[in-house]
């Protein structure tokens, strides 16, 4: 039972990270009907910005883990929030009236530029970078199940972040404006909503969530690399599509479902097929997602739409 509990916990931990990335894709698609393929690389930039903040704090002889963690989080959010808004301002909005393929290609190339820039210009950027362990490293005992305290904190923090963004979207004036723009941008303008400001804020929020996912990933695995956003971006996008692109609940469900498939693959593949490493869990998860998408092309929770008159 303790082994099963560990697998379940690992699935929840990965699911939170994937859901945070998937929610960003959903927010972007909701307000402008665009796919921002540089989203995963924005996550990577946020993780490296946080790492740089930690190194800077150590250079200033500030060794308190909590102060360093605060600097990591604040820096990652600030850098990626601004980056997301700038991308929306100077790349996404100018291409808003262009064919969707143009935006897809532009953001795909932008992601490559960001990824290669970190690889080339960050000190030793082509190699994996150790990410500092800034959370308590004790253990939490739940019956026969022993969990690392830092992982429990990360899981609860991720759930709180997702809940906070959900509250922002559904219960605040800003959230109402975002939903109005997502429903009908032209009508939202006529009702006095600042369309551009809402778009910039939405891209900033989605990018900040990606940064937090990148920091959590670094704290969980204790390392990051310039390619970390590539796989997480693909997984987050797959989770958003699986759940139903444009639906925040679907993005969350898709993230946890994908993580569950990975954990299931890592637990069962070595037992079913001898000599096969658990690293094939990604192959298993993507294969199942392909079959689910063929069965349910609109996603598990189809986006609600209404005819615009």
Protein backbone atom coordinates (compact mmCIF):
# COMPACT_ATOMS: atom_id res chain seq x y z
CA UNK A 1 0.00 0.00 0.00
CA UNK A 2 2.86 2.39 0.71
CA UNK A 3 4.21 1.79 -2.81
CA UNK A 4 0.79 2.49 -4.32
CA UNK A 5 0.52 5.62 -2.20
CA UNK A 6 3.90 6.80 -3.46
CA UNK A 7 2.81 6.30 -7.06
CA UNK A 8 -0.41 8.22 -6.40
CA UNK A 9 1.50 11.08 -4.77
CA UNK A 10 3.97 11.23 -7.69
CA UNK A 11 1.04 11.38 -10.09
CA UNK A 12 -0.55 14.23 -8.14
CA UNK A 13 2.72 16.13 -8.03
CA UNK A 14 3.30 15.85 -11.79
CA UNK A 15 -0.39 16.53 -12.43
CA UNK A 16 -0.23 19.87 -10.65
CA UNK A 17 2.74 20.98 -12.77
CA UNK A 18 1.12 19.83 -16.02
CA UNK A 19 -2.20 21.43 -15.09
CA UNK A 20 -0.52 24.79 -14.44
CA UNK A 21 1.05 24.70 -17.90
CA UNK A 22 -2.20 23.55 -19.53
CA UNK A 23 -4.21 26.34 -17.89
CA UNK A 24 -1.89 28.86 -19.55
CA UNK A 25 -2.59 27.39 -22.99
CA UNK A 26 -6.31 27.52 -22.20
CA UNK A 27 -6.17 31.18 -21.13
CA UNK A 28 -4.33 32.20 -24.30
CA UNK A 29 -6.71 30.29 -26.53
CA UNK A 30 -9.70 31.63 -24.65
CA UNK A 31 -8.98 35.34 -25.14
CA UNK A 32 -7.52 35.31 -28.67
CA UNK A 33 -8.06 31.81 -30.12
CA UNK A 34 -4.29 31.40 -30.53
CA UNK A 35 -1.86 28.61 -29.70
CA UNK A 36 1.28 30.08 -28.10
CA UNK A 37 3.90 27.43 -28.74
CA UNK A 38 6.60 29.38 -26.92
CA UNK A 39 4.74 28.78 -23.65
CA UNK A 40 7.00 25.91 -22.59
CA UNK A 41 10.10 27.98 -23.25
CA UNK A 42 8.61 30.82 -21.22
CA UNK A 43 8.46 28.28 -18.38
CA UNK A 44 12.14 27.55 -18.92
CA UNK A 45 13.04 31.25 -18.85
CA UNK A 46 11.16 31.60 -15.58
CA UNK A 47 13.06 28.69 -14.04
CA UNK A 48 16.41 30.15 -15.10
CA UNK A 49 15.38 33.62 -13.87
CA UNK A 50 14.59 32.07 -10.48
CA UNK A 51 17.91 30.24 -10.44
CA UNK A 52 19.71 33.50 -11.25
CA UNK A 53 17.92 35.22 -8.36
CA UNK A 54 19.04 32.45 -5.99
CA UNK A 55 22.65 32.76 -7.17
CA UNK A 56 22.44 36.55 -6.75
CA UNK A 57 21.16 36.19 -3.19
CA UNK A 58 24.06 33.89 -2.35
CA UNK A 59 26.48 36.41 -3.88
CA UNK A 60 25.01 39.01 -1.52
CA UNK A 61 25.69 36.58 1.36
CA UNK A 62 21.98 36.05 2.01
CA UNK A 63 21.75 32.36 2.82
CA UNK A 64 18.26 32.17 4.38
CA UNK A 65 16.36 29.54 2.36
CA UNK A 66 13.04 31.33 2.77
CA UNK A 67 14.42 34.68 1.59
CA UNK A 68 16.07 32.97 -1.37
CA UNK A 69 12.83 31.14 -2.16
CA UNK A 70 10.91 34.43 -2.05
CA UNK A 71 13.47 36.00 -4.40
CA UNK A 72 13.24 33.00 -6.75
CA UNK A 73 9.44 33.12 -6.92
CA UNK A 74 9.14 36.91 -7.23
CA UNK A 75 11.82 37.13 -9.90
CA UNK A 76 10.40 34.25 -11.91
CA UNK A 77 6.89 35.73 -11.82
CA UNK A 78 8.06 39.26 -12.65
CA UNK A 79 10.32 38.22 -15.55
CA UNK A 80 7.87 35.85 -17.20
CA UNK A 81 4.81 38.00 -16.53
CA UNK A 82 6.53 40.88 -18.31
CA UNK A 83 7.80 38.56 -21.03
CA UNK A 84 4.31 37.18 -21.64
CA UNK A 85 2.84 40.68 -21.88
CA UNK A 86 5.57 41.80 -24.29
CA UNK A 87 5.01 38.74 -26.50
CA UNK A 88 1.30 39.51 -26.59
CA UNK A 89 1.92 43.21 -27.31
CA UNK A 90 4.50 42.93 -30.07
CA UNK A 91 3.87 39.50 -31.59
CA UNK A 92 0.43 38.05 -30.82
CA UNK A 93 -1.76 41.15 -31.19
CA UNK A 94 -0.14 42.33 -34.48
CA UNK A 95 -0.85 38.86 -35.91
CA UNK A 96 -4.38 38.69 -34.49
CA UNK A 97 -6.03 39.19 -37.88
CA UNK A 98 -3.53 36.97 -39.71
CA UNK A 99 -4.16 33.25 -40.40
CA UNK A 100 -3.75 31.16 -37.21
CA UNK A 101 -0.86 29.29 -38.81
CA UNK A 102 1.18 32.52 -38.84
CA UNK A 103 0.86 32.94 -35.08
CA UNK A 104 1.60 29.28 -34.47
CA UNK A 105 4.77 29.45 -36.59
CA UNK A 106 5.91 32.78 -35.08
CA UNK A 107 5.56 31.55 -31.50
CA UNK A 108 7.24 28.26 -32.40
CA UNK A 109 10.24 30.16 -33.77
CA UNK A 110 10.24 32.50 -30.76
CA UNK A 111 10.43 29.49 -28.45
CA UNK A 112 13.46 28.24 -30.36
CA UNK A 113 15.09 31.67 -30.06
CA UNK A 114 14.55 31.77 -26.27
CA UNK A 115 15.76 28.19 -25.83
CA UNK A 116 18.93 28.73 -27.88
CA UNK A 117 19.60 32.10 -26.23
CA UNK A 118 19.68 30.45 -22.80
CA UNK A 119 21.83 27.60 -24.12
CA UNK A 120 24.35 29.97 -25.70
CA UNK A 121 24.48 32.94 -23.32
CA UNK A 122 23.65 31.56 -19.86
CA UNK A 123 26.88 30.43 -18.11
CA UNK A 124 27.31 26.74 -18.96
CA UNK A 125 23.77 26.89 -20.31
CA UNK A 126 24.12 23.83 -22.52
CA UNK A 127 24.42 21.60 -19.43
CA UNK A 128 21.92 20.86 -16.68
CA UNK A 129 22.02 23.37 -13.82
CA UNK A 130 21.60 22.29 -10.18
CA UNK A 131 18.53 23.95 -8.69
CA UNK A 132 18.83 24.83 -4.99
CA UNK A 133 16.87 22.88 -2.41
CA UNK A 134 15.11 25.66 -0.52
CA UNK A 135 12.30 23.79 1.25
CA UNK A 136 12.39 21.65 4.42
CA UNK A 137 13.77 18.19 3.68
CA UNK A 138 12.16 16.28 6.54
CA UNK A 139 9.50 13.63 6.10
CA UNK A 140 5.74 13.52 6.62
CA UNK A 141 4.39 10.21 7.89
CA UNK A 142 0.92 9.17 6.77
CA UNK A 143 0.50 5.69 8.21
CA UNK A 144 2.91 3.46 6.32
CA UNK A 145 3.47 6.15 3.70
CA UNK A 146 6.49 8.41 4.14
CA UNK A 147 6.56 11.58 2.04
CA UNK A 148 9.19 14.26 1.73
CA UNK A 149 8.04 17.49 3.35
CA UNK A 150 9.25 19.63 0.45
CA UNK A 151 7.20 17.60 -2.03
CA UNK A 152 4.09 17.94 0.14
CA UNK A 153 4.63 21.70 0.28
CA UNK A 154 5.04 21.83 -3.51
CA UNK A 155 1.86 19.83 -4.06
CA UNK A 156 -0.22 22.00 -1.73
CA UNK A 157 1.27 25.17 -3.22
CA UNK A 158 0.44 24.04 -6.75
CA UNK A 159 -3.15 23.25 -5.79
CA UNK A 160 -3.42 26.66 -4.10
CA UNK A 161 -2.09 28.41 -7.22
CA UNK A 162 -4.58 26.65 -9.48
CA UNK A 163 -7.41 27.43 -7.05
CA UNK A 164 -6.28 31.06 -6.89
CA UNK A 165 -6.30 31.46 -10.67
CA UNK A 166 -9.71 29.79 -10.81
CA UNK A 167 -11.00 32.26 -8.21
CA UNK A 168 -9.48 35.14 -10.20
CA UNK A 169 -11.19 34.04 -13.42
CA UNK A 170 -14.60 33.25 -11.93
CA UNK A 171 -15.05 35.66 -9.00
CA UNK A 172 -13.30 38.96 -9.78
CA UNK A 173 -13.92 41.91 -12.09
CA UNK A 174 -10.74 41.13 -13.98
CA UNK A 175 -11.91 37.57 -14.43
CA UNK A 176 -15.26 38.82 -15.69
CA UNK A 177 -13.46 41.02 -18.21
CA UNK A 178 -11.30 38.08 -19.34
CA UNK A 179 -14.40 35.91 -19.80
CA UNK A 180 -16.16 38.72 -21.68
CA UNK A 181 -13.22 39.11 -24.08
CA UNK A 182 -13.08 35.35 -24.52
CA UNK A 183 -16.80 35.24 -25.31
CA UNK A 184 -16.86 38.15 -27.78
CA UNK A 185 -14.00 40.63 -28.04
CA UNK A 186 -15.90 43.16 -30.16
CA UNK A 187 -18.87 43.30 -27.81
CA UNK A 188 -16.49 43.56 -24.83
CA UNK A 189 -14.93 46.65 -26.45
CA UNK A 190 -18.37 48.21 -26.93
CA UNK A 191 -19.13 47.59 -23.26
CA UNK A 192 -16.09 49.68 -22.30
CA UNK A 193 -13.60 46.88 -21.57
CA UNK A 194 -10.01 47.70 -22.49
CA UNK A 195 -9.42 44.80 -24.87
CA UNK A 196 -5.64 45.18 -25.16
CA UNK A 197 -5.10 45.57 -21.41
CA UNK A 198 -7.12 42.43 -20.70
CA UNK A 199 -5.15 40.46 -23.30
CA UNK A 200 -1.81 41.64 -21.90
CA UNK A 201 -2.86 40.80 -18.34
CA UNK A 202 -4.10 37.37 -19.42
CA UNK A 203 -0.84 36.55 -21.15
CA UNK A 204 1.05 37.84 -18.13
CA UNK A 205 -0.97 35.64 -15.76
CA UNK A 206 -0.59 32.54 -17.94
CA UNK A 207 3.15 33.12 -18.29
CA UNK A 208 3.55 33.68 -14.54
CA UNK A 209 1.81 30.35 -13.93
CA UNK A 210 4.28 28.72 -16.30
CA UNK A 211 7.16 30.28 -14.35
CA UNK A 212 5.81 28.87 -11.08
CA UNK A 213 5.49 25.46 -12.74
CA UNK A 214 9.11 25.74 -13.86
CA UNK A 215 10.28 26.67 -10.36
CA UNK A 216 8.27 23.79 -8.87
CA UNK A 217 9.78 21.42 -11.41
CA UNK A 218 13.26 22.63 -10.47
CA UNK A 219 12.59 22.24 -6.75
CA UNK A 220 11.11 18.77 -7.34
CA UNK A 221 13.95 17.39 -9.46
CA UNK A 222 16.70 19.70 -8.10
CA UNK A 223 17.90 20.57 -11.59
CA UNK A 224 16.84 22.42 -14.73
CA UNK A 225 18.13 22.60 -18.29
CA UNK A 226 17.46 24.68 -21.38
CA UNK A 227 15.28 21.92 -22.84
CA UNK A 228 13.00 21.57 -19.80
CA UNK A 229 10.28 23.69 -21.36
CA UNK A 230 10.19 21.70 -24.59
CA UNK A 231 8.75 18.51 -23.08
CA UNK A 232 6.66 20.31 -20.46
CA UNK A 233 5.22 22.55 -23.16
CA UNK A 234 4.22 19.59 -25.32
CA UNK A 235 2.73 17.78 -22.33
CA UNK A 236 0.86 20.89 -21.18
CA UNK A 237 -0.54 21.43 -24.67
CA UNK A 238 -1.53 17.76 -24.93
CA UNK A 239 -3.24 18.02 -21.53
CA UNK A 240 -5.14 21.15 -22.63
CA UNK A 241 -6.27 19.45 -25.85
CA UNK A 242 -7.18 16.26 -24.00
CA UNK A 243 -9.30 18.12 -21.46
CA UNK A 244 -10.87 20.43 -24.03
CA UNK A 245 -8.96 23.48 -25.25
CA UNK A 246 -10.61 26.64 -23.95
CA UNK A 247 -11.99 25.02 -20.80
CA UNK A 248 -10.04 25.63 -17.60
CA UNK A 249 -11.58 22.60 -15.86
CA UNK A 250 -10.64 20.45 -18.83
CA UNK A 251 -7.04 21.70 -18.68
CA UNK A 252 -6.79 20.74 -15.01
CA UNK A 253 -8.32 17.31 -15.60
CA UNK A 254 -6.10 16.77 -18.64
CA UNK A 255 -2.97 17.59 -16.63
CA UNK A 256 -3.77 15.12 -13.89
CA UNK A 257 -4.88 12.47 -16.39
CA UNK A 258 -1.64 12.73 -18.34
CA UNK A 259 0.38 12.46 -15.13
CA UNK A 260 -1.69 9.44 -14.13
CA UNK A 261 -0.93 7.77 -17.46
CA UNK A 262 2.79 8.40 -16.98
CA UNK A 263 2.76 6.91 -13.50
CA UNK A 264 0.70 3.95 -14.71
CA UNK A 265 3.17 3.37 -17.52
CA UNK A 266 6.22 3.58 -15.26
CA UNK A 267 4.62 1.12 -12.81
CA UNK A 268 3.23 -1.46 -15.25
CA UNK A 269 5.42 -1.45 -18.37
CA UNK A 270 8.50 -3.05 -16.73
CA UNK A 271 6.26 -5.77 -15.26
CA UNK A 272 4.35 -6.47 -18.48
CA UNK A 273 7.30 -6.24 -20.88
CA UNK A 274 10.61 -7.50 -19.41
CA UNK A 275 13.72 -5.41 -19.99
CA UNK A 276 11.73 -2.32 -20.95
CA UNK A 277 12.76 0.74 -18.90
CA UNK A 278 10.19 2.88 -17.14
CA UNK A 279 11.40 5.80 -19.28
CA UNK A 280 8.94 4.56 -21.90
CA UNK A 281 6.17 6.00 -19.73
CA UNK A 282 6.04 9.06 -21.99
CA UNK A 283 5.51 6.86 -25.05
CA UNK A 284 2.72 5.03 -23.25
CA UNK A 285 1.07 8.25 -22.08
CA UNK A 286 1.17 9.91 -25.50
CA UNK A 287 -0.13 6.76 -27.19
CA UNK A 288 -3.13 6.64 -24.84
CA UNK A 289 -3.74 10.38 -25.36
CA UNK A 290 -3.77 9.84 -29.14
CA UNK A 291 -6.41 7.14 -28.74
CA UNK A 292 -8.49 9.32 -26.41
CA UNK A 293 -8.31 12.23 -28.86
CA UNK A 294 -9.43 9.95 -31.70
CA UNK A 295 -12.36 8.84 -29.54
CA UNK A 296 -13.19 12.33 -28.24
CA UNK A 297 -11.86 14.92 -30.74
CA UNK A 298 -13.37 17.86 -28.85
CA UNK A 299 -11.69 16.87 -25.59
CA UNK A 300 -13.15 15.38 -22.46
CA UNK A 301 -14.97 18.62 -21.65
CA UNK A 302 -15.93 20.36 -24.88
CA UNK A 303 -15.75 24.16 -24.89
CA UNK A 304 -19.17 25.74 -24.54
CA UNK A 305 -19.89 27.98 -27.49
CA UNK A 306 -22.78 30.14 -28.57
CA UNK A 307 -23.71 31.63 -31.90
CA UNK A 308 -22.60 35.24 -32.25
CA UNK A 309 -25.22 37.43 -33.90
